[in-house]
């Protein structure tokens, strides 16, 4: 049985493109506005949602919040908005991933596969990547099936990386999500200390360097 993907997008050309490419491997359902998208979500029970932000009737941000209150279905947001602050808000509101328009269809396909894989192999309260298992309910992290001790901030940082594997996060983005504060030059040292501690603990437990710094851009999990 192919996974079900609900595309909530009012641009018929983008809908047609996504349908042509994705229908080879997935069952595709389409909604043209926010109200229809919410109703279709309730009736279809999709395995993944592709959500545009600029929707008629109810915008995508409201759709995201409504759906996220009901379950943890993976949601990939498509947006023309370049604002990092807005993207941070979307992630805080429950988006699993995002792509800015215009987007590369092969990159979208890859991100869909990642989200569906995580959904398939992970219990609803856990995130799994390679030898790392994070349980949000018990606040426990296992590496190679052995627990490691993390601070609250380290745990939250790892949670973000595991929910969005291979995605590069700017330092300002991570700080605003975890600390819920504006990012200033003085904030970088605080973040660097926590990233360094998290990297070291994962390295000791696994023998692998999972957190890679991309010079001038940010940090990602590999």
C-alpha atoms as a PDB file:
ATOM      1  CA  UNK A   1       0.000   0.000   0.000  1.00  0.00           C
ATOM      2  CA  UNK A   2       1.480   3.310  -1.072  1.00  0.00           C
ATOM      3  CA  UNK A   3       1.677   6.081   1.557  1.00  0.00           C
ATOM      4  CA  UNK A   4      -0.990   8.780   1.274  1.00  0.00           C
ATOM      5  CA  UNK A   5       0.098  12.372   0.722  1.00  0.00           C
ATOM      6  CA  UNK A   6      -2.277  15.316   1.011  1.00  0.00           C
ATOM      7  CA  UNK A   7      -1.219  18.400  -0.975  1.00  0.00           C
ATOM      8  CA  UNK A   8      -2.844  21.602   0.315  1.00  0.00           C
ATOM      9  CA  UNK A   9      -1.919  24.132  -2.358  1.00  0.00           C
ATOM     10  CA  UNK A  10      -4.027  26.679  -4.241  1.00  0.00           C
ATOM     11  CA  UNK A  11      -1.668  26.972  -7.219  1.00  0.00           C
ATOM     12  CA  UNK A  12      -3.022  24.468  -9.742  1.00  0.00           C
ATOM     13  CA  UNK A  13       0.243  24.401 -11.701  1.00  0.00           C
ATOM     14  CA  UNK A  14       2.237  23.411  -8.621  1.00  0.00           C
ATOM     15  CA  UNK A  15      -0.443  20.870  -7.728  1.00  0.00           C
ATOM     16  CA  UNK A  16      -0.208  19.355 -11.199  1.00  0.00           C
ATOM     17  CA  UNK A  17       3.588  19.182 -11.028  1.00  0.00           C
ATOM     18  CA  UNK A  18       3.550  17.522  -7.615  1.00  0.00           C
ATOM     19  CA  UNK A  19       0.869  15.077  -8.701  1.00  0.00           C
ATOM     20  CA  UNK A  20       2.743  14.062 -11.865  1.00  0.00           C
ATOM     21  CA  UNK A  21       5.979  13.407  -9.988  1.00  0.00           C
ATOM     22  CA  UNK A  22       4.730  11.988  -6.690  1.00  0.00           C
ATOM     23  CA  UNK A  23       1.848   9.836  -7.908  1.00  0.00           C
ATOM     24  CA  UNK A  24       4.370   7.279  -9.165  1.00  0.00           C
ATOM     25  CA  UNK A  25       5.140   6.268  -5.594  1.00  0.00           C
ATOM     26  CA  UNK A  26       2.338   7.718  -3.465  1.00  0.00           C
ATOM     27  CA  UNK A  27      -1.432   8.066  -3.322  1.00  0.00           C
ATOM     28  CA  UNK A  28      -1.982  11.785  -3.874  1.00  0.00           C
ATOM     29  CA  UNK A  29      -4.916  13.848  -2.619  1.00  0.00           C
ATOM     30  CA  UNK A  30      -5.318  17.547  -3.398  1.00  0.00           C
ATOM     31  CA  UNK A  31      -6.974  20.474  -1.611  1.00  0.00           C
ATOM     32  CA  UNK A  32      -7.170  24.006  -2.982  1.00  0.00           C
ATOM     33  CA  UNK A  33      -7.849  25.942   0.239  1.00  0.00           C
ATOM     34  CA  UNK A  34      -7.391  25.777   3.974  1.00  0.00           C
ATOM     35  CA  UNK A  35     -10.931  24.699   4.858  1.00  0.00           C
ATOM     36  CA  UNK A  36     -10.930  21.848   2.333  1.00  0.00           C
ATOM     37  CA  UNK A  37      -7.456  20.890   3.495  1.00  0.00           C
ATOM     38  CA  UNK A  38      -8.568  20.476   7.107  1.00  0.00           C
ATOM     39  CA  UNK A  39     -11.680  18.522   6.088  1.00  0.00           C
ATOM     40  CA  UNK A  40      -9.675  16.288   3.745  1.00  0.00           C
ATOM     41  CA  UNK A  41      -7.104  15.698   6.456  1.00  0.00           C
ATOM     42  CA  UNK A  42      -9.829  14.452   8.791  1.00  0.00           C
ATOM     43  CA  UNK A  43     -11.363  12.119   6.201  1.00  0.00           C
ATOM     44  CA  UNK A  44      -8.251  10.875   4.394  1.00  0.00           C
ATOM     45  CA  UNK A  45      -5.863  10.430   7.358  1.00  0.00           C
ATOM     46  CA  UNK A  46      -2.782  11.039   5.194  1.00  0.00           C
ATOM     47  CA  UNK A  47       0.698   9.797   6.046  1.00  0.00           C
ATOM     48  CA  UNK A  48       2.209  13.166   5.117  1.00  0.00           C
ATOM     49  CA  UNK A  49       1.033  16.687   4.254  1.00  0.00           C
ATOM     50  CA  UNK A  50       2.571  19.175   1.846  1.00  0.00           C
ATOM     51  CA  UNK A  51       1.269  22.559   2.946  1.00  0.00           C
ATOM     52  CA  UNK A  52       1.378  25.921   1.209  1.00  0.00           C
ATOM     53  CA  UNK A  53       1.168  29.003   3.442  1.00  0.00           C
ATOM     54  CA  UNK A  54      -0.702  31.417   1.177  1.00  0.00           C
ATOM     55  CA  UNK A  55      -4.093  29.699   1.094  1.00  0.00           C
ATOM     56  CA  UNK A  56      -7.595  31.138   0.660  1.00  0.00           C
ATOM     57  CA  UNK A  57     -10.211  30.946   3.442  1.00  0.00           C
ATOM     58  CA  UNK A  58      -7.773  29.732   6.122  1.00  0.00           C
ATOM     59  CA  UNK A  59      -4.057  30.388   5.688  1.00  0.00           C
ATOM     60  CA  UNK A  60      -1.426  27.685   5.958  1.00  0.00           C
ATOM     61  CA  UNK A  61      -0.151  28.818   9.344  1.00  0.00           C
ATOM     62  CA  UNK A  62      -3.617  28.309  10.859  1.00  0.00           C
ATOM     63  CA  UNK A  63      -3.994  24.957   9.097  1.00  0.00           C
ATOM     64  CA  UNK A  64      -0.647  23.873  10.566  1.00  0.00           C
ATOM     65  CA  UNK A  65      -1.711  24.766  14.107  1.00  0.00           C
ATOM     66  CA  UNK A  66      -5.111  23.070  13.774  1.00  0.00           C
ATOM     67  CA  UNK A  67      -3.659  19.839  12.411  1.00  0.00           C
ATOM     68  CA  UNK A  68      -0.808  19.776  14.896  1.00  0.00           C
ATOM     69  CA  UNK A  69      -3.269  19.922  17.793  1.00  0.00           C
ATOM     70  CA  UNK A  70      -4.790  16.654  16.566  1.00  0.00           C
ATOM     71  CA  UNK A  71      -1.788  14.465  15.713  1.00  0.00           C
ATOM     72  CA  UNK A  72       1.833  14.282  14.603  1.00  0.00           C
ATOM     73  CA  UNK A  73       1.358  13.692  10.868  1.00  0.00           C
ATOM     74  CA  UNK A  74       4.554  14.946   9.154  1.00  0.00           C
ATOM     75  CA  UNK A  75       4.040  18.357   7.541  1.00  0.00           C
ATOM     76  CA  UNK A  76       6.381  19.858   4.946  1.00  0.00           C
ATOM     77  CA  UNK A  77       5.691  23.548   4.380  1.00  0.00           C
ATOM     78  CA  UNK A  78       6.133  25.229   1.005  1.00  0.00           C
ATOM     79  CA  UNK A  79       6.625  28.975   1.248  1.00  0.00           C
ATOM     80  CA  UNK A  80       7.829  31.941  -0.732  1.00  0.00           C
ATOM     81  CA  UNK A  81       8.699  33.660   2.545  1.00  0.00           C
ATOM     82  CA  UNK A  82      12.447  34.040   3.104  1.00  0.00           C
ATOM     83  CA  UNK A  83      12.232  35.417   6.651  1.00  0.00           C
ATOM     84  CA  UNK A  84      14.241  33.290   9.081  1.00  0.00           C
ATOM     85  CA  UNK A  85      12.079  34.515  11.958  1.00  0.00           C
ATOM     86  CA  UNK A  86       8.973  33.243  10.167  1.00  0.00           C
ATOM     87  CA  UNK A  87      10.615  29.890   9.499  1.00  0.00           C
ATOM     88  CA  UNK A  88      11.555  29.602  13.167  1.00  0.00           C
ATOM     89  CA  UNK A  89       7.907  30.238  14.058  1.00  0.00           C
ATOM     90  CA  UNK A  90       6.742  27.549  11.639  1.00  0.00           C
ATOM     91  CA  UNK A  91       9.095  24.999  13.196  1.00  0.00           C
ATOM     92  CA  UNK A  92       7.944  25.981  16.676  1.00  0.00           C
ATOM     93  CA  UNK A  93       4.318  25.586  15.575  1.00  0.00           C
ATOM     94  CA  UNK A  94       4.978  22.019  14.473  1.00  0.00           C
ATOM     95  CA  UNK A  95       6.239  21.966  10.886  1.00  0.00           C
ATOM     96  CA  UNK A  96       8.609  19.048  10.358  1.00  0.00           C
ATOM     97  CA  UNK A  97      10.404  20.606   7.413  1.00  0.00           C
ATOM     98  CA  UNK A  98      10.109  23.383   4.852  1.00  0.00           C
ATOM     99  CA  UNK A  99      11.169  24.375   1.332  1.00  0.00           C
ATOM    100  CA  UNK A 100      11.188  27.878  -0.065  1.00  0.00           C
ATOM    101  CA  UNK A 101       9.720  28.526  -3.503  1.00  0.00           C
ATOM    102  CA  UNK A 102      10.893  28.000  -6.149  1.00  0.00           C
ATOM    103  CA  UNK A 103      11.948  24.561  -4.931  1.00  0.00           C
ATOM    104  CA  UNK A 104      13.746  21.608  -6.460  1.00  0.00           C
ATOM    105  CA  UNK A 105      11.361  18.683  -6.884  1.00  0.00           C
ATOM    106  CA  UNK A 106      14.098  16.099  -6.259  1.00  0.00           C
ATOM    107  CA  UNK A 107      14.909  17.777  -2.942  1.00  0.00           C
ATOM    108  CA  UNK A 108      11.246  17.652  -1.988  1.00  0.00           C
ATOM    109  CA  UNK A 109      11.131  13.933  -2.848  1.00  0.00           C
ATOM    110  CA  UNK A 110      14.158  13.319  -0.634  1.00  0.00           C
ATOM    111  CA  UNK A 111      12.621  15.197   2.278  1.00  0.00           C
ATOM    112  CA  UNK A 112       9.363  13.288   1.891  1.00  0.00           C
ATOM    113  CA  UNK A 113      11.260  10.003   2.120  1.00  0.00           C
ATOM    114  CA  UNK A 114      13.052  11.153   5.283  1.00  0.00           C
ATOM    115  CA  UNK A 115       9.822  12.172   7.007  1.00  0.00           C
ATOM    116  CA  UNK A 116       7.989   8.987   6.057  1.00  0.00           C
ATOM    117  CA  UNK A 117      10.933   6.856   7.152  1.00  0.00           C
ATOM    118  CA  UNK A 118      11.027   8.580  10.540  1.00  0.00           C
ATOM    119  CA  UNK A 119       7.276   8.130  10.894  1.00  0.00           C
ATOM    120  CA  UNK A 120       7.514   4.437  10.025  1.00  0.00           C
ATOM    121  CA  UNK A 121      10.357   3.394  12.281  1.00  0.00           C
ATOM    122  CA  UNK A 122       9.728   5.712  15.220  1.00  0.00           C
ATOM    123  CA  UNK A 123       7.148   5.341  17.959  1.00  0.00           C
ATOM    124  CA  UNK A 124       4.947   8.427  18.199  1.00  0.00           C
ATOM    125  CA  UNK A 125       6.947   9.728  21.150  1.00  0.00           C
ATOM    126  CA  UNK A 126      10.411   8.885  19.760  1.00  0.00           C
ATOM    127  CA  UNK A 127      12.855  10.119  17.155  1.00  0.00           C
ATOM    128  CA  UNK A 128      15.413   7.747  15.669  1.00  0.00           C
ATOM    129  CA  UNK A 129      18.502   8.483  13.600  1.00  0.00           C
ATOM    130  CA  UNK A 130      21.218   5.907  13.018  1.00  0.00           C
ATOM    131  CA  UNK A 131      22.221   4.697  16.534  1.00  0.00           C
ATOM    132  CA  UNK A 132      20.459   7.537  18.353  1.00  0.00           C
ATOM    133  CA  UNK A 133      16.989   7.171  19.907  1.00  0.00           C
ATOM    134  CA  UNK A 134      15.328  10.125  21.638  1.00  0.00           C
ATOM    135  CA  UNK A 135      12.177   9.532  23.659  1.00  0.00           C
ATOM    136  CA  UNK A 136      10.280  12.759  24.228  1.00  0.00           C
ATOM    137  CA  UNK A 137       7.945  11.266  26.828  1.00  0.00           C
ATOM    138  CA  UNK A 138      10.634   9.814  29.112  1.00  0.00           C
ATOM    139  CA  UNK A 139      13.206  12.499  28.235  1.00  0.00           C
ATOM    140  CA  UNK A 140      15.720   9.710  27.623  1.00  0.00           C
ATOM    141  CA  UNK A 141      18.365   9.469  24.918  1.00  0.00           C
ATOM    142  CA  UNK A 142      19.931   6.162  23.910  1.00  0.00           C
ATOM    143  CA  UNK A 143      23.067   5.855  21.807  1.00  0.00           C
ATOM    144  CA  UNK A 144      23.883   2.316  20.711  1.00  0.00           C
ATOM    145  CA  UNK A 145      21.161   1.226  23.155  1.00  0.00           C
ATOM    146  CA  UNK A 146      22.920   2.842  26.115  1.00  0.00           C
ATOM    147  CA  UNK A 147      21.564   5.966  27.882  1.00  0.00           C
ATOM    148  CA  UNK A 148      23.476   9.243  27.892  1.00  0.00           C
ATOM    149  CA  UNK A 149      22.864  12.206  30.155  1.00  0.00           C
ATOM    150  CA  UNK A 150      21.948  15.511  28.495  1.00  0.00           C
ATOM    151  CA  UNK A 151      20.991  18.859  29.912  1.00  0.00           C
ATOM    152  CA  UNK A 152      17.568  20.278  29.062  1.00  0.00           C
ATOM    153  CA  UNK A 153      19.021  22.564  26.383  1.00  0.00           C
ATOM    154  CA  UNK A 154      21.178  19.789  24.906  1.00  0.00           C
ATOM    155  CA  UNK A 155      18.134  17.529  24.758  1.00  0.00           C
ATOM    156  CA  UNK A 156      16.088  20.190  22.954  1.00  0.00           C
ATOM    157  CA  UNK A 157      18.903  20.838  20.478  1.00  0.00           C
ATOM    158  CA  UNK A 158      19.223  17.129  19.706  1.00  0.00           C
ATOM    159  CA  UNK A 159      15.450  16.906  19.345  1.00  0.00           C
ATOM    160  CA  UNK A 160      15.543  19.592  16.645  1.00  0.00           C
ATOM    161  CA  UNK A 161      18.385  17.908  14.754  1.00  0.00           C
ATOM    162  CA  UNK A 162      16.725  14.469  14.879  1.00  0.00           C
ATOM    163  CA  UNK A 163      13.399  15.852  13.683  1.00  0.00           C
ATOM    164  CA  UNK A 164      15.142  17.466  10.691  1.00  0.00           C
ATOM    165  CA  UNK A 165      18.120  15.242   9.784  1.00  0.00           C
ATOM    166  CA  UNK A 166      20.625  16.677   7.295  1.00  0.00           C
ATOM    167  CA  UNK A 167      18.970  20.109   7.437  1.00  0.00           C
ATOM    168  CA  UNK A 168      21.388  22.966   8.082  1.00  0.00           C
ATOM    169  CA  UNK A 169      20.308  25.231  10.944  1.00  0.00           C
ATOM    170  CA  UNK A 170      21.689  28.717  11.397  1.00  0.00           C
ATOM    171  CA  UNK A 171      22.937  29.420  14.896  1.00  0.00           C
ATOM    172  CA  UNK A 172      20.472  32.274  15.321  1.00  0.00           C
ATOM    173  CA  UNK A 173      17.660  29.908  14.321  1.00  0.00           C
ATOM    174  CA  UNK A 174      18.666  27.284  16.897  1.00  0.00           C
ATOM    175  CA  UNK A 175      19.046  29.863  19.652  1.00  0.00           C
ATOM    176  CA  UNK A 176      15.621  31.384  19.063  1.00  0.00           C
ATOM    177  CA  UNK A 177      13.930  27.972  19.030  1.00  0.00           C
ATOM    178  CA  UNK A 178      15.635  26.612  22.165  1.00  0.00           C
ATOM    179  CA  UNK A 179      16.110  29.730  24.278  1.00  0.00           C
ATOM    180  CA  UNK A 180      13.026  31.638  23.049  1.00  0.00           C
ATOM    181  CA  UNK A 181      15.084  34.811  22.978  1.00  0.00           C
ATOM    182  CA  UNK A 182      16.420  37.190  20.358  1.00  0.00           C
ATOM    183  CA  UNK A 183      19.842  36.208  19.044  1.00  0.00           C
ATOM    184  CA  UNK A 184      22.683  38.646  19.702  1.00  0.00           C
ATOM    185  CA  UNK A 185      26.412  38.372  19.158  1.00  0.00           C
ATOM    186  CA  UNK A 186      26.834  37.510  22.832  1.00  0.00           C
ATOM    187  CA  UNK A 187      24.390  34.590  22.407  1.00  0.00           C
ATOM    188  CA  UNK A 188      26.779  32.692  20.140  1.00  0.00           C
ATOM    189  CA  UNK A 189      29.094  31.635  22.954  1.00  0.00           C
ATOM    190  CA  UNK A 190      26.203  30.196  24.969  1.00  0.00           C
ATOM    191  CA  UNK A 191      24.987  28.209  21.975  1.00  0.00           C
ATOM    192  CA  UNK A 192      28.507  27.053  21.053  1.00  0.00           C
ATOM    193  CA  UNK A 193      29.082  25.643  24.529  1.00  0.00           C
ATOM    194  CA  UNK A 194      25.887  23.579  24.395  1.00  0.00           C
ATOM    195  CA  UNK A 195      26.561  22.373  20.844  1.00  0.00           C
ATOM    196  CA  UNK A 196      30.120  21.430  21.805  1.00  0.00           C
ATOM    197  CA  UNK A 197      28.936  19.486  24.863  1.00  0.00           C
ATOM    198  CA  UNK A 198      26.261  17.688  22.845  1.00  0.00           C
ATOM    199  CA  UNK A 199      28.742  16.839  20.067  1.00  0.00           C
ATOM    200  CA  UNK A 200      31.259  15.500  22.594  1.00  0.00           C
ATOM    201  CA  UNK A 201      28.710  13.316  24.401  1.00  0.00           C
ATOM    202  CA  UNK A 202      27.459  11.805  21.140  1.00  0.00           C
ATOM    203  CA  UNK A 203      31.037  11.217  19.994  1.00  0.00           C
ATOM    204  CA  UNK A 204      32.029   9.470  23.213  1.00  0.00           C
ATOM    205  CA  UNK A 205      28.928   7.259  23.149  1.00  0.00           C
ATOM    206  CA  UNK A 206      29.001   6.380  19.451  1.00  0.00           C
ATOM    207  CA  UNK A 207      32.481   7.017  18.115  1.00  0.00           C
ATOM    208  CA  UNK A 208      30.885   9.212  15.435  1.00  0.00           C
ATOM    209  CA  UNK A 209      30.838  12.964  14.938  1.00  0.00           C
ATOM    210  CA  UNK A 210      27.144  13.524  14.231  1.00  0.00           C
ATOM    211  CA  UNK A 211      27.122  17.338  14.366  1.00  0.00           C
ATOM    212  CA  UNK A 212      28.966  19.094  11.571  1.00  0.00           C
ATOM    213  CA  UNK A 213      29.555  22.848  11.358  1.00  0.00           C
ATOM    214  CA  UNK A 214      29.102  24.297   7.868  1.00  0.00           C
ATOM    215  CA  UNK A 215      31.339  27.373   7.847  1.00  0.00           C
ATOM    216  CA  UNK A 216      29.408  30.576   7.372  1.00  0.00           C
ATOM    217  CA  UNK A 217      26.046  28.772   7.279  1.00  0.00           C
ATOM    218  CA  UNK A 218      25.232  26.712  10.360  1.00  0.00           C
ATOM    219  CA  UNK A 219      25.136  23.213  11.862  1.00  0.00           C
ATOM    220  CA  UNK A 220      23.574  19.970  10.730  1.00  0.00           C
ATOM    221  CA  UNK A 221      23.194  16.357  11.801  1.00  0.00           C
ATOM    222  CA  UNK A 222      24.812  13.766   9.532  1.00  0.00           C
END
